[in-house]
């Protein structure tokens, strides 16, 4: 099967992520929150680095249960800073707590985070028609709008590039190249 050019074909974890997750619409609030946090952790790093640490992140951050994360103490944050299963960046770790607070607030205001986040694409995935990965943008006007709103709503590590990457990961945008076997899911 032909796959998008960014997939490391010799890495089963990467192939599995591409084939089963990337570009597949996600509506589950907790999974959306996890992906937003992981995309933020990726800032300045490769997705491959984060993908390899994803299970460690899930364990370290209580399976991304926002109601637990908002109760983290300074001692817990200091413990996370020493946890080798995750990227040990103080600001990125703190952003998960900040994002959990913003996430819960958005859930309360919009009935669900899914409803809120999918409203940026009118609740329908955007399907692009790229021939090569080189054509895929890093940001768009839409990711810029989303970034500004998320920041306004209290989220951290949600720049335009992170937002576009998030949109691709959770299927709000389908950027599988035209010849990719996963494109038509």
C-alpha atoms as a PDB file:
ATOM      1  CA  UNK A   1       0.000   0.000   0.000  1.00  0.00           C
ATOM      2  CA  UNK A   2       1.225   3.512  -0.820  1.00  0.00           C
ATOM      3  CA  UNK A   3       1.533   5.729   2.251  1.00  0.00           C
ATOM      4  CA  UNK A   4       2.271   9.378   2.934  1.00  0.00           C
ATOM      5  CA  UNK A   5       5.963  10.130   2.540  1.00  0.00           C
ATOM      6  CA  UNK A   6       6.520  11.123   6.179  1.00  0.00           C
ATOM      7  CA  UNK A   7       5.865   7.618   7.511  1.00  0.00           C
ATOM      8  CA  UNK A   8       8.927   5.703   8.704  1.00  0.00           C
ATOM      9  CA  UNK A   9       8.139   2.382   7.035  1.00  0.00           C
ATOM     10  CA  UNK A  10      10.689   0.507   9.137  1.00  0.00           C
ATOM     11  CA  UNK A  11       8.953   1.603  12.360  1.00  0.00           C
ATOM     12  CA  UNK A  12       5.748  -0.386  13.093  1.00  0.00           C
ATOM     13  CA  UNK A  13       4.595   2.205  15.656  1.00  0.00           C
ATOM     14  CA  UNK A  14       4.751   4.946  13.021  1.00  0.00           C
ATOM     15  CA  UNK A  15       3.050   2.833  10.347  1.00  0.00           C
ATOM     16  CA  UNK A  16       0.296   1.882  12.793  1.00  0.00           C
ATOM     17  CA  UNK A  17      -0.218   5.536  13.801  1.00  0.00           C
ATOM     18  CA  UNK A  18      -0.444   6.616  10.161  1.00  0.00           C
ATOM     19  CA  UNK A  19      -2.696   3.762   9.077  1.00  0.00           C
ATOM     20  CA  UNK A  20      -5.104   3.724  12.027  1.00  0.00           C
ATOM     21  CA  UNK A  21      -5.125   7.180  13.614  1.00  0.00           C
ATOM     22  CA  UNK A  22      -3.760  10.091  11.601  1.00  0.00           C
ATOM     23  CA  UNK A  23      -6.569  11.812   9.735  1.00  0.00           C
ATOM     24  CA  UNK A  24      -9.327   9.724  11.348  1.00  0.00           C
ATOM     25  CA  UNK A  25     -12.034  11.966  12.842  1.00  0.00           C
ATOM     26  CA  UNK A  26     -11.993  11.950  16.652  1.00  0.00           C
ATOM     27  CA  UNK A  27     -14.973  13.176  18.685  1.00  0.00           C
ATOM     28  CA  UNK A  28     -14.102  11.835  22.127  1.00  0.00           C
ATOM     29  CA  UNK A  29     -13.307  14.725  24.479  1.00  0.00           C
ATOM     30  CA  UNK A  30     -10.602  12.949  26.451  1.00  0.00           C
ATOM     31  CA  UNK A  31      -8.797  11.736  23.335  1.00  0.00           C
ATOM     32  CA  UNK A  32      -8.998  15.220  21.804  1.00  0.00           C
ATOM     33  CA  UNK A  33      -7.512  16.656  25.005  1.00  0.00           C
ATOM     34  CA  UNK A  34      -4.720  14.071  24.947  1.00  0.00           C
ATOM     35  CA  UNK A  35      -3.858  14.884  21.340  1.00  0.00           C
ATOM     36  CA  UNK A  36      -3.852  18.638  22.001  1.00  0.00           C
ATOM     37  CA  UNK A  37      -1.444  18.124  24.914  1.00  0.00           C
ATOM     38  CA  UNK A  38       0.789  15.778  22.925  1.00  0.00           C
ATOM     39  CA  UNK A  39       0.908  18.179  19.988  1.00  0.00           C
ATOM     40  CA  UNK A  40       1.954  20.913  22.425  1.00  0.00           C
ATOM     41  CA  UNK A  41       4.668  18.637  23.808  1.00  0.00           C
ATOM     42  CA  UNK A  42       5.949  18.216  20.265  1.00  0.00           C
ATOM     43  CA  UNK A  43       6.799  21.928  19.902  1.00  0.00           C
ATOM     44  CA  UNK A  44      10.391  22.098  18.702  1.00  0.00           C
ATOM     45  CA  UNK A  45      10.650  18.309  18.514  1.00  0.00           C
ATOM     46  CA  UNK A  46       9.591  15.606  16.092  1.00  0.00           C
ATOM     47  CA  UNK A  47       6.277  13.787  16.285  1.00  0.00           C
ATOM     48  CA  UNK A  48       8.281  10.544  16.293  1.00  0.00           C
ATOM     49  CA  UNK A  49       9.810  11.569  19.655  1.00  0.00           C
ATOM     50  CA  UNK A  50       6.367  12.155  21.172  1.00  0.00           C
ATOM     51  CA  UNK A  51       4.809   9.067  19.613  1.00  0.00           C
ATOM     52  CA  UNK A  52       7.482   6.910  21.249  1.00  0.00           C
ATOM     53  CA  UNK A  53       6.714   8.540  24.615  1.00  0.00           C
ATOM     54  CA  UNK A  54       2.915   8.501  24.296  1.00  0.00           C
ATOM     55  CA  UNK A  55       2.358   5.575  26.663  1.00  0.00           C
ATOM     56  CA  UNK A  56       4.632   7.249  29.188  1.00  0.00           C
ATOM     57  CA  UNK A  57       2.602  10.441  28.879  1.00  0.00           C
ATOM     58  CA  UNK A  58      -0.620   8.512  29.433  1.00  0.00           C
ATOM     59  CA  UNK A  59       0.765   6.964  32.610  1.00  0.00           C
ATOM     60  CA  UNK A  60       2.360  10.172  33.891  1.00  0.00           C
ATOM     61  CA  UNK A  61      -0.720  12.320  33.248  1.00  0.00           C
ATOM     62  CA  UNK A  62      -3.463  10.000  34.545  1.00  0.00           C
ATOM     63  CA  UNK A  63      -4.598   8.982  31.047  1.00  0.00           C
ATOM     64  CA  UNK A  64      -5.211  12.676  30.344  1.00  0.00           C
ATOM     65  CA  UNK A  65      -8.106  12.863  32.784  1.00  0.00           C
ATOM     66  CA  UNK A  66      -8.443  16.643  33.017  1.00  0.00           C
ATOM     67  CA  UNK A  67     -10.370  16.502  36.304  1.00  0.00           C
ATOM     68  CA  UNK A  68      -7.368  14.770  37.918  1.00  0.00           C
ATOM     69  CA  UNK A  69      -4.765  16.932  36.212  1.00  0.00           C
ATOM     70  CA  UNK A  70      -6.237  20.194  37.548  1.00  0.00           C
ATOM     71  CA  UNK A  71      -5.532  18.936  41.084  1.00  0.00           C
ATOM     72  CA  UNK A  72      -1.794  18.510  40.507  1.00  0.00           C
ATOM     73  CA  UNK A  73       0.326  20.117  43.189  1.00  0.00           C
ATOM     74  CA  UNK A  74       3.762  21.717  42.883  1.00  0.00           C
ATOM     75  CA  UNK A  75       5.198  18.450  44.217  1.00  0.00           C
ATOM     76  CA  UNK A  76       3.504  16.509  41.433  1.00  0.00           C
ATOM     77  CA  UNK A  77       4.849  18.951  38.816  1.00  0.00           C
ATOM     78  CA  UNK A  78       8.350  18.595  40.270  1.00  0.00           C
ATOM     79  CA  UNK A  79       7.975  14.810  40.095  1.00  0.00           C
ATOM     80  CA  UNK A  80       6.906  15.051  36.437  1.00  0.00           C
ATOM     81  CA  UNK A  81       9.951  17.217  35.683  1.00  0.00           C
ATOM     82  CA  UNK A  82      12.093  14.198  36.630  1.00  0.00           C
ATOM     83  CA  UNK A  83       9.980  11.617  34.744  1.00  0.00           C
ATOM     84  CA  UNK A  84      12.035  10.218  31.868  1.00  0.00           C
ATOM     85  CA  UNK A  85       8.918   8.839  30.166  1.00  0.00           C
ATOM     86  CA  UNK A  86       7.970  12.359  29.035  1.00  0.00           C
ATOM     87  CA  UNK A  87       9.646  15.490  27.687  1.00  0.00           C
ATOM     88  CA  UNK A  88      10.926  17.097  30.871  1.00  0.00           C
ATOM     89  CA  UNK A  89      10.294  20.708  29.970  1.00  0.00           C
ATOM     90  CA  UNK A  90       8.892  22.727  32.874  1.00  0.00           C
ATOM     91  CA  UNK A  91       6.720  24.963  30.679  1.00  0.00           C
ATOM     92  CA  UNK A  92       5.316  22.073  28.651  1.00  0.00           C
ATOM     93  CA  UNK A  93       4.489  20.134  31.806  1.00  0.00           C
ATOM     94  CA  UNK A  94       2.786  23.149  33.385  1.00  0.00           C
ATOM     95  CA  UNK A  95       0.850  23.741  30.169  1.00  0.00           C
ATOM     96  CA  UNK A  96      -0.921  20.393  30.570  1.00  0.00           C
ATOM     97  CA  UNK A  97      -2.377  21.626  33.879  1.00  0.00           C
ATOM     98  CA  UNK A  98      -3.284  25.005  32.384  1.00  0.00           C
ATOM     99  CA  UNK A  99      -4.848  23.269  29.388  1.00  0.00           C
ATOM    100  CA  UNK A 100      -6.825  20.941  31.665  1.00  0.00           C
ATOM    101  CA  UNK A 101      -8.308  23.989  33.388  1.00  0.00           C
ATOM    102  CA  UNK A 102      -9.189  25.606  30.052  1.00  0.00           C
ATOM    103  CA  UNK A 103     -10.520  22.304  28.705  1.00  0.00           C
ATOM    104  CA  UNK A 104     -12.927  21.850  31.629  1.00  0.00           C
ATOM    105  CA  UNK A 105     -14.119  25.433  31.276  1.00  0.00           C
ATOM    106  CA  UNK A 106     -14.739  24.948  27.528  1.00  0.00           C
ATOM    107  CA  UNK A 107     -16.587  21.686  28.215  1.00  0.00           C
ATOM    108  CA  UNK A 108     -18.866  23.516  30.627  1.00  0.00           C
ATOM    109  CA  UNK A 109     -19.518  26.394  28.220  1.00  0.00           C
ATOM    110  CA  UNK A 110     -19.973  24.336  25.039  1.00  0.00           C
ATOM    111  CA  UNK A 111     -21.389  21.055  26.442  1.00  0.00           C
ATOM    112  CA  UNK A 112     -18.320  19.241  25.093  1.00  0.00           C
ATOM    113  CA  UNK A 113     -14.814  20.026  23.946  1.00  0.00           C
ATOM    114  CA  UNK A 114     -15.571  18.107  20.754  1.00  0.00           C
ATOM    115  CA  UNK A 115     -18.443  20.435  19.901  1.00  0.00           C
ATOM    116  CA  UNK A 116     -16.200  23.444  20.530  1.00  0.00           C
ATOM    117  CA  UNK A 117     -13.168  22.236  18.566  1.00  0.00           C
ATOM    118  CA  UNK A 118     -15.111  20.801  15.620  1.00  0.00           C
ATOM    119  CA  UNK A 119     -16.980  24.105  15.224  1.00  0.00           C
ATOM    120  CA  UNK A 120     -13.787  25.499  13.675  1.00  0.00           C
ATOM    121  CA  UNK A 121     -14.439  23.270  10.622  1.00  0.00           C
ATOM    122  CA  UNK A 122     -18.261  23.491  10.757  1.00  0.00           C
ATOM    123  CA  UNK A 123     -18.317  19.954  12.186  1.00  0.00           C
ATOM    124  CA  UNK A 124     -17.108  18.449   8.878  1.00  0.00           C
ATOM    125  CA  UNK A 125     -13.598  17.212   8.061  1.00  0.00           C
ATOM    126  CA  UNK A 126     -11.739  19.214   5.428  1.00  0.00           C
ATOM    127  CA  UNK A 127     -10.426  16.863   2.738  1.00  0.00           C
ATOM    128  CA  UNK A 128      -7.456  18.224   0.845  1.00  0.00           C
ATOM    129  CA  UNK A 129      -6.035  16.935  -2.430  1.00  0.00           C
ATOM    130  CA  UNK A 130      -2.256  16.989  -2.083  1.00  0.00           C
ATOM    131  CA  UNK A 131      -0.125  15.068  -4.581  1.00  0.00           C
ATOM    132  CA  UNK A 132       2.971  15.173  -2.351  1.00  0.00           C
ATOM    133  CA  UNK A 133       3.731  15.912   1.256  1.00  0.00           C
ATOM    134  CA  UNK A 134       5.681  18.976   0.102  1.00  0.00           C
ATOM    135  CA  UNK A 135       2.364  20.628  -0.809  1.00  0.00           C
ATOM    136  CA  UNK A 136       0.914  20.263   2.694  1.00  0.00           C
ATOM    137  CA  UNK A 137       1.061  23.568   4.589  1.00  0.00           C
ATOM    138  CA  UNK A 138       2.371  23.892   8.140  1.00  0.00           C
ATOM    139  CA  UNK A 139      -0.285  26.494   8.964  1.00  0.00           C
ATOM    140  CA  UNK A 140      -3.440  27.871   7.417  1.00  0.00           C
ATOM    141  CA  UNK A 141      -5.734  30.794   8.025  1.00  0.00           C
ATOM    142  CA  UNK A 142      -7.990  28.383   9.897  1.00  0.00           C
ATOM    143  CA  UNK A 143      -5.207  27.104  12.174  1.00  0.00           C
ATOM    144  CA  UNK A 144      -4.296  30.725  12.874  1.00  0.00           C
ATOM    145  CA  UNK A 145      -7.905  31.484  13.880  1.00  0.00           C
ATOM    146  CA  UNK A 146      -8.055  28.364  16.037  1.00  0.00           C
ATOM    147  CA  UNK A 147      -4.765  29.249  17.720  1.00  0.00           C
ATOM    148  CA  UNK A 148      -5.943  32.757  18.580  1.00  0.00           C
ATOM    149  CA  UNK A 149      -9.218  31.459  20.035  1.00  0.00           C
ATOM    150  CA  UNK A 150      -7.572  28.680  22.040  1.00  0.00           C
ATOM    151  CA  UNK A 151      -5.118  31.194  23.502  1.00  0.00           C
ATOM    152  CA  UNK A 152      -7.988  33.549  24.298  1.00  0.00           C
ATOM    153  CA  UNK A 153      -9.716  30.661  26.063  1.00  0.00           C
ATOM    154  CA  UNK A 154      -6.660  30.013  28.228  1.00  0.00           C
ATOM    155  CA  UNK A 155      -4.776  27.243  26.420  1.00  0.00           C
ATOM    156  CA  UNK A 156      -0.957  27.163  26.145  1.00  0.00           C
ATOM    157  CA  UNK A 157       1.365  25.672  23.508  1.00  0.00           C
ATOM    158  CA  UNK A 158      -1.304  26.104  20.846  1.00  0.00           C
ATOM    159  CA  UNK A 159       0.435  28.094  18.128  1.00  0.00           C
ATOM    160  CA  UNK A 160      -0.814  27.964  14.569  1.00  0.00           C
ATOM    161  CA  UNK A 161       1.548  25.137  13.529  1.00  0.00           C
ATOM    162  CA  UNK A 162       0.570  23.055  16.563  1.00  0.00           C
ATOM    163  CA  UNK A 163      -3.102  23.673  15.814  1.00  0.00           C
ATOM    164  CA  UNK A 164      -2.738  22.554  12.204  1.00  0.00           C
ATOM    165  CA  UNK A 165      -0.847  19.452  13.275  1.00  0.00           C
ATOM    166  CA  UNK A 166      -3.599  18.743  15.823  1.00  0.00           C
ATOM    167  CA  UNK A 167      -6.285  19.178  13.156  1.00  0.00           C
ATOM    168  CA  UNK A 168      -4.482  16.648  10.946  1.00  0.00           C
ATOM    169  CA  UNK A 169      -3.999  14.190  13.799  1.00  0.00           C
ATOM    170  CA  UNK A 170      -7.654  14.173  14.891  1.00  0.00           C
ATOM    171  CA  UNK A 171      -9.135  14.116  11.402  1.00  0.00           C
ATOM    172  CA  UNK A 172     -10.468  17.656  11.277  1.00  0.00           C
ATOM    173  CA  UNK A 173      -8.252  17.883   8.200  1.00  0.00           C
ATOM    174  CA  UNK A 174      -7.489  14.917   5.951  1.00  0.00           C
ATOM    175  CA  UNK A 175      -4.045  15.585   4.509  1.00  0.00           C
ATOM    176  CA  UNK A 176      -3.244  12.067   3.331  1.00  0.00           C
ATOM    177  CA  UNK A 177      -1.736  12.460  -0.125  1.00  0.00           C
ATOM    178  CA  UNK A 178      -4.034  11.492  -3.004  1.00  0.00           C
ATOM    179  CA  UNK A 179      -2.233   8.190  -3.648  1.00  0.00           C
ATOM    180  CA  UNK A 180      -2.182   7.130   0.027  1.00  0.00           C
ATOM    181  CA  UNK A 181      -4.225   4.021   0.757  1.00  0.00           C
ATOM    182  CA  UNK A 182      -5.554   5.581   3.957  1.00  0.00           C
ATOM    183  CA  UNK A 183      -6.962   8.683   2.309  1.00  0.00           C
ATOM    184  CA  UNK A 184     -10.480   7.415   1.634  1.00  0.00           C
ATOM    185  CA  UNK A 185     -11.320   6.139   5.093  1.00  0.00           C
END
